[in-house]
C-alpha atoms as a PDB file:
ATOM      1  CA  MET A   1       5.322 -24.741 -15.558  1.00  0.00           C
ATOM      2  CA  LYS A   2       7.644 -22.378 -17.177  1.00  0.00           C
ATOM      3  CA  ILE A   3       6.030 -18.960 -18.564  1.00  0.00           C
ATOM      4  CA  LEU A   4       8.596 -16.803 -20.752  1.00  0.00           C
ATOM      5  CA  THR A   5       7.596 -12.905 -19.960  1.00  0.00           C
ATOM      6  CA  ASP A   6       9.042  -9.598 -21.076  1.00  0.00           C
ATOM      7  CA  LYS A   7      12.690  -9.265 -20.858  1.00  0.00           C
ATOM      8  CA  SER A   8      14.078  -6.367 -18.837  1.00  0.00           C
ATOM      9  CA  VAL A   9      17.553  -4.501 -19.152  1.00  0.00           C
ATOM     10  CA  LEU A  10      20.083  -4.172 -16.346  1.00  0.00           C
ATOM     11  CA  THR A  11      21.009  -0.560 -15.607  1.00  0.00           C
ATOM     12  CA  LYS A  12      24.341   0.757 -15.011  1.00  0.00           C
ATOM     13  CA  LYS A  13      23.474   0.528 -11.048  1.00  0.00           C
ATOM     14  CA  SER A  14      22.530  -2.932 -11.872  1.00  0.00           C
ATOM     15  CA  GLN A  15      18.883  -2.524 -11.388  1.00  0.00           C
ATOM     16  CA  ILE A  16      15.843  -3.902 -13.270  1.00  0.00           C
ATOM     17  CA  THR A  17      12.282  -3.019 -13.465  1.00  0.00           C
ATOM     18  CA  LEU A  18       9.842  -6.136 -12.831  1.00  0.00           C
ATOM     19  CA  PRO A  19       7.807  -6.410 -16.124  1.00  0.00           C
ATOM     20  CA  LYS A  20       4.162  -5.538 -15.207  1.00  0.00           C
ATOM     21  CA  GLN A  21       3.044  -9.318 -15.807  1.00  0.00           C
ATOM     22  CA  VAL A  22       5.556 -10.616 -13.169  1.00  0.00           C
ATOM     23  CA  ARG A  23       4.454  -7.674 -10.830  1.00  0.00           C
ATOM     24  CA  GLU A  24       0.891  -8.609 -10.993  1.00  0.00           C
ATOM     25  CA  PHE A  25       1.699 -12.367 -10.671  1.00  0.00           C
ATOM     26  CA  LEU A  26       3.646 -11.790  -7.334  1.00  0.00           C
ATOM     27  CA  GLY A  27       1.125  -9.233  -6.130  1.00  0.00           C
ATOM     28  CA  VAL A  28       3.501  -6.659  -5.462  1.00  0.00           C
ATOM     29  CA  LYS A  29       3.291  -2.874  -5.655  1.00  0.00           C
ATOM     30  CA  PRO A  30       5.773  -0.071  -5.658  1.00  0.00           C
ATOM     31  CA  GLY A  31       7.642   0.275  -2.105  1.00  0.00           C
ATOM     32  CA  GLU A  32       7.166  -3.303  -1.316  1.00  0.00           C
ATOM     33  CA  GLN A  33      10.049  -5.961  -0.925  1.00  0.00           C
ATOM     34  CA  ILE A  34      10.838  -8.822  -2.910  1.00  0.00           C
ATOM     35  CA  THR A  35      13.382 -11.490  -2.011  1.00  0.00           C
ATOM     36  CA  PHE A  36      15.817 -13.570  -4.343  1.00  0.00           C
ATOM     37  CA  VAL A  37      16.301 -17.339  -3.728  1.00  0.00           C
ATOM     38  CA  ILE A  38      18.852 -18.865  -5.696  1.00  0.00           C
ATOM     39  CA  GLU A  39      18.354 -22.895  -5.915  1.00  0.00           C
ATOM     40  CA  ASP A  40      20.596 -24.826  -8.421  1.00  0.00           C
ATOM     41  CA  ASN A  41      20.788 -22.872 -11.765  1.00  0.00           C
ATOM     42  CA  THR A  42      17.663 -20.988 -10.933  1.00  0.00           C
ATOM     43  CA  VAL A  43      16.595 -17.741  -9.270  1.00  0.00           C
ATOM     44  CA  LYS A  44      13.092 -17.213  -7.818  1.00  0.00           C
ATOM     45  CA  ILE A  45      11.694 -14.018  -7.097  1.00  0.00           C
ATOM     46  CA  MET A  46       9.242 -14.016  -4.189  1.00  0.00           C
ATOM     47  CA  PRO A  47       7.166 -11.197  -2.191  1.00  0.00           C
ATOM     48  CA  VAL A  48       8.170 -10.519   1.076  1.00  0.00           C
ATOM     49  CA  LYS A  49       5.031 -10.286   3.171  1.00  0.00           C
ATOM     50  CA  SER A  50       4.932  -7.737   6.295  1.00  0.00           C
ATOM     51  CA  LYS A  51       4.623 -10.057   9.543  1.00  0.00           C
ATOM     52  CA  LEU A  52       2.363  -7.305  11.124  1.00  0.00           C
ATOM     53  CA  GLU A  53       0.114  -7.801   7.896  1.00  0.00           C
ATOM     54  CA  GLU A  54       0.182 -11.379   7.980  1.00  0.00           C
ATOM     55  CA  ASN A  55      -0.996 -11.593  11.619  1.00  0.00           C
ATOM     56  CA  PHE A  56      -3.589  -8.677  11.429  1.00  0.00           C
ATOM     57  CA  GLY A  57      -6.650  -9.516  13.425  1.00  0.00           C
ATOM     58  CA  LYS A  58      -5.296 -12.724  14.662  1.00  0.00           C
ATOM     59  CA  VAL A  59      -4.923 -11.471  18.111  1.00  0.00           C
ATOM     60  CA  LYS A  60      -8.283 -11.003  20.521  1.00  0.00           C
ATOM     61  CA  PRO A  61      -7.917  -8.130  23.057  1.00  0.00           C
ATOM     62  CA  ILE A  62      -7.242  -8.682  26.561  1.00  0.00           C
ATOM     63  CA  GLN A  63      -9.199  -5.800  27.294  1.00  0.00           C
ATOM     64  CA  LYS A  64     -11.494  -3.264  25.534  1.00  0.00           C
ATOM     65  CA  PRO A  65     -10.714  -0.456  24.454  1.00  0.00           C
ATOM     66  CA  GLU A  66      -7.106  -1.537  23.275  1.00  0.00           C
ATOM     67  CA  ASP A  67      -4.293   0.968  23.591  1.00  0.00           C
ATOM     68  CA  PHE A  68      -3.167   0.764  20.127  1.00  0.00           C
ATOM     69  CA  LYS A  69      -0.096   2.623  20.767  1.00  0.00           C
ATOM     70  CA  GLN A  70       1.089   0.230  23.461  1.00  0.00           C
ATOM     71  CA  ILE A  71       0.155  -2.645  21.060  1.00  0.00           C
ATOM     72  CA  ARG A  72       2.283  -0.979  17.903  1.00  0.00           C
ATOM     73  CA  ASP A  73       5.069  -0.303  20.091  1.00  0.00           C
ATOM     74  CA  PHE A  74       4.987  -4.085  21.451  1.00  0.00           C
ATOM     75  CA  VAL A  75       4.560  -5.534  17.944  1.00  0.00           C
ATOM     76  CA  GLU A  76       7.558  -3.146  16.563  1.00  0.00           C
ATOM     77  CA  LYS A  77       9.893  -4.218  19.346  1.00  0.00           C
ATOM     78  CA  GLU A  78       9.327  -7.860  18.802  1.00  0.00           C
ATOM     79  CA  ILE A  79       9.479  -7.530  15.183  1.00  0.00           C
ATOM     80  CA  SER A  80      12.663  -5.967  15.129  1.00  0.00           C
ATOM     81  CA  GLU A  81      13.900  -8.381  17.582  1.00  0.00           C
ATOM     82  CA  GLU A  82      13.272 -11.322  15.619  1.00  0.00           C
ATOM     83  CA  SER A  83      14.484  -9.519  12.466  1.00  0.00           C
ATOM     84  CA  ILE A  84      17.842  -9.176  14.326  1.00  0.00           C
ATOM     85  CA  LYS A  85      17.843 -12.875  15.490  1.00  0.00           C
ATOM     86  CA  GLU A  86      17.310 -13.675  11.594  1.00  0.00           C
ATOM     87  CA  ILE A  87      20.293 -11.652  10.183  1.00  0.00           C
ATOM     88  CA  GLN A  88      22.903 -12.886  13.012  1.00  0.00           C
END
């Protein structure tokens, strides 16, 4: 299904503003990341979801009360290592 939405102008810095209808469709807000995928003669725009947000609440605590600083440090380390692997 193809839907034609508003147009956007490329600035001198090669930047665009995503039209409101597109932002709402993607569910993105200022400061959030999007990614561009090129397939054949088409460019797709998709939101980049935080791995931390995607997995929030999926892990049951080993002990209570949880040490949130220790958990945060561990998660940040794991995400950074995974990100480094993805760009190599």
